[in-house]
Protein backbone atom coordinates (compact mmCIF):
# COMPACT_ATOMS: atom_id res chain seq x y z
CA UNK A 1 -84.29 79.89 -57.25
CA UNK A 2 -81.74 82.11 -58.96
CA UNK A 3 -80.48 85.29 -57.40
CA UNK A 4 -81.14 88.57 -59.24
CA UNK A 5 -78.27 89.92 -61.35
CA UNK A 6 -75.36 91.13 -59.20
CA UNK A 7 -76.63 89.36 -56.09
CA UNK A 8 -76.11 85.97 -54.44
CA UNK A 9 -77.57 83.83 -51.67
CA UNK A 10 -75.84 82.65 -48.52
CA UNK A 11 -76.24 79.17 -47.07
CA UNK A 12 -79.84 78.53 -45.95
CA UNK A 13 -81.11 77.14 -42.67
CA UNK A 14 -84.40 75.23 -42.40
CA UNK A 15 -86.49 75.22 -39.23
CA UNK A 16 -90.17 74.89 -38.36
CA UNK A 17 -91.27 74.52 -41.98
CA UNK A 18 -89.44 77.65 -43.10
CA UNK A 19 -86.24 78.21 -45.03
CA UNK A 20 -84.15 81.24 -44.04
CA UNK A 21 -81.56 82.64 -46.44
CA UNK A 22 -79.67 85.92 -46.88
CA UNK A 23 -79.64 87.67 -50.28
CA UNK A 24 -76.81 90.15 -50.75
CA UNK A 25 -74.75 91.87 -53.46
CA UNK A 26 -72.01 89.76 -55.02
CA UNK A 27 -68.79 90.93 -53.30
CA UNK A 28 -65.17 90.91 -54.43
CA UNK A 29 -61.97 91.78 -52.56
CA UNK A 30 -62.39 95.36 -53.83
CA UNK A 31 -65.49 95.63 -51.60
CA UNK A 32 -63.52 95.17 -48.34
CA UNK A 33 -64.64 97.81 -45.84
CA UNK A 34 -67.67 98.82 -47.92
CA UNK A 35 -71.13 98.98 -46.31
CA UNK A 36 -73.32 96.11 -47.54
CA UNK A 37 -77.11 96.03 -47.65
CA UNK A 38 -78.73 92.59 -47.56
CA UNK A 39 -82.13 90.98 -47.04
CA UNK A 40 -83.23 88.00 -44.97
CA UNK A 41 -85.71 85.94 -46.98
CA UNK A 42 -88.14 83.61 -45.23
CA UNK A 43 -89.60 80.96 -47.51
CA UNK A 44 -92.07 78.13 -47.07
CA UNK A 45 -89.76 75.10 -46.88
CA UNK A 46 -92.20 72.86 -48.79
CA UNK A 47 -93.18 75.14 -51.65
CA UNK A 48 -90.40 77.76 -51.76
CA UNK A 49 -93.07 80.47 -51.66
CA UNK A 50 -91.80 83.72 -50.09
CA UNK A 51 -93.36 84.42 -46.68
CA UNK A 52 -91.38 87.48 -45.49
CA UNK A 53 -88.50 89.70 -46.49
CA UNK A 54 -86.56 91.64 -43.85
CA UNK A 55 -84.10 94.38 -44.85
CA UNK A 56 -81.03 93.91 -42.66
CA UNK A 57 -79.04 96.81 -41.23
CA UNK A 58 -76.01 97.64 -43.37
CA UNK A 59 -72.81 95.83 -42.38
CA UNK A 60 -69.17 96.35 -43.32
CA UNK A 61 -67.72 93.78 -45.74
CA UNK A 62 -64.80 91.90 -44.18
CA UNK A 63 -61.30 91.43 -45.60
CA UNK A 64 -61.15 88.98 -48.50
CA UNK A 65 -64.72 89.74 -49.48
CA UNK A 66 -64.69 87.30 -52.40
CA UNK A 67 -65.41 83.92 -50.78
CA UNK A 68 -65.57 84.87 -47.11
CA UNK A 69 -67.74 87.94 -47.70
CA UNK A 70 -70.98 86.01 -47.79
CA UNK A 71 -73.60 86.40 -45.13
CA UNK A 72 -75.11 83.13 -43.99
CA UNK A 73 -77.84 82.12 -41.60
CA UNK A 74 -75.78 80.56 -38.82
CA UNK A 75 -78.57 79.21 -36.64
CA UNK A 76 -82.28 79.37 -35.90
CA UNK A 77 -83.74 78.77 -32.45
CA UNK A 78 -86.79 79.89 -30.49
CA UNK A 79 -87.92 82.45 -33.08
CA UNK A 80 -84.48 83.96 -33.62
CA UNK A 81 -82.25 83.87 -36.69
CA UNK A 82 -78.49 84.37 -36.24
CA UNK A 83 -76.68 85.88 -39.24
CA UNK A 84 -72.95 86.32 -39.76
CA UNK A 85 -70.10 86.38 -42.28
CA UNK A 86 -69.07 82.98 -43.62
CA UNK A 87 -66.17 81.63 -41.59
CA UNK A 88 -66.33 84.81 -39.53
CA UNK A 89 -67.01 83.27 -36.14
CA UNK A 90 -69.66 84.95 -33.99
CA UNK A 91 -73.07 86.10 -35.26
CA UNK A 92 -73.28 89.76 -36.26
CA UNK A 93 -77.03 90.08 -36.13
CA UNK A 94 -79.89 88.26 -34.52
CA UNK A 95 -83.35 88.81 -35.98
CA UNK A 96 -86.59 87.71 -34.31
CA UNK A 97 -90.02 86.81 -35.68
């Protein structure tokens, strides 16, 4: 699946027959410190059919937004989805079903 123009996907996580992935604006170093709006997409892992879309709270883009400024699903467990900046350490947000 291709991201819409000006957006990109983070790394997905698959659990319990679902694929979880963050869709966000494409960021560059000029976006450091800017508030970012992203969505958590929940897809059927077998068909790729969208099941849910959750608008995430806005977050501030980190330094070096280019490569490291991507939000990824870090983990899924017991109905929770941990989301954080790539190579940023701790989760920033935990969403629940």
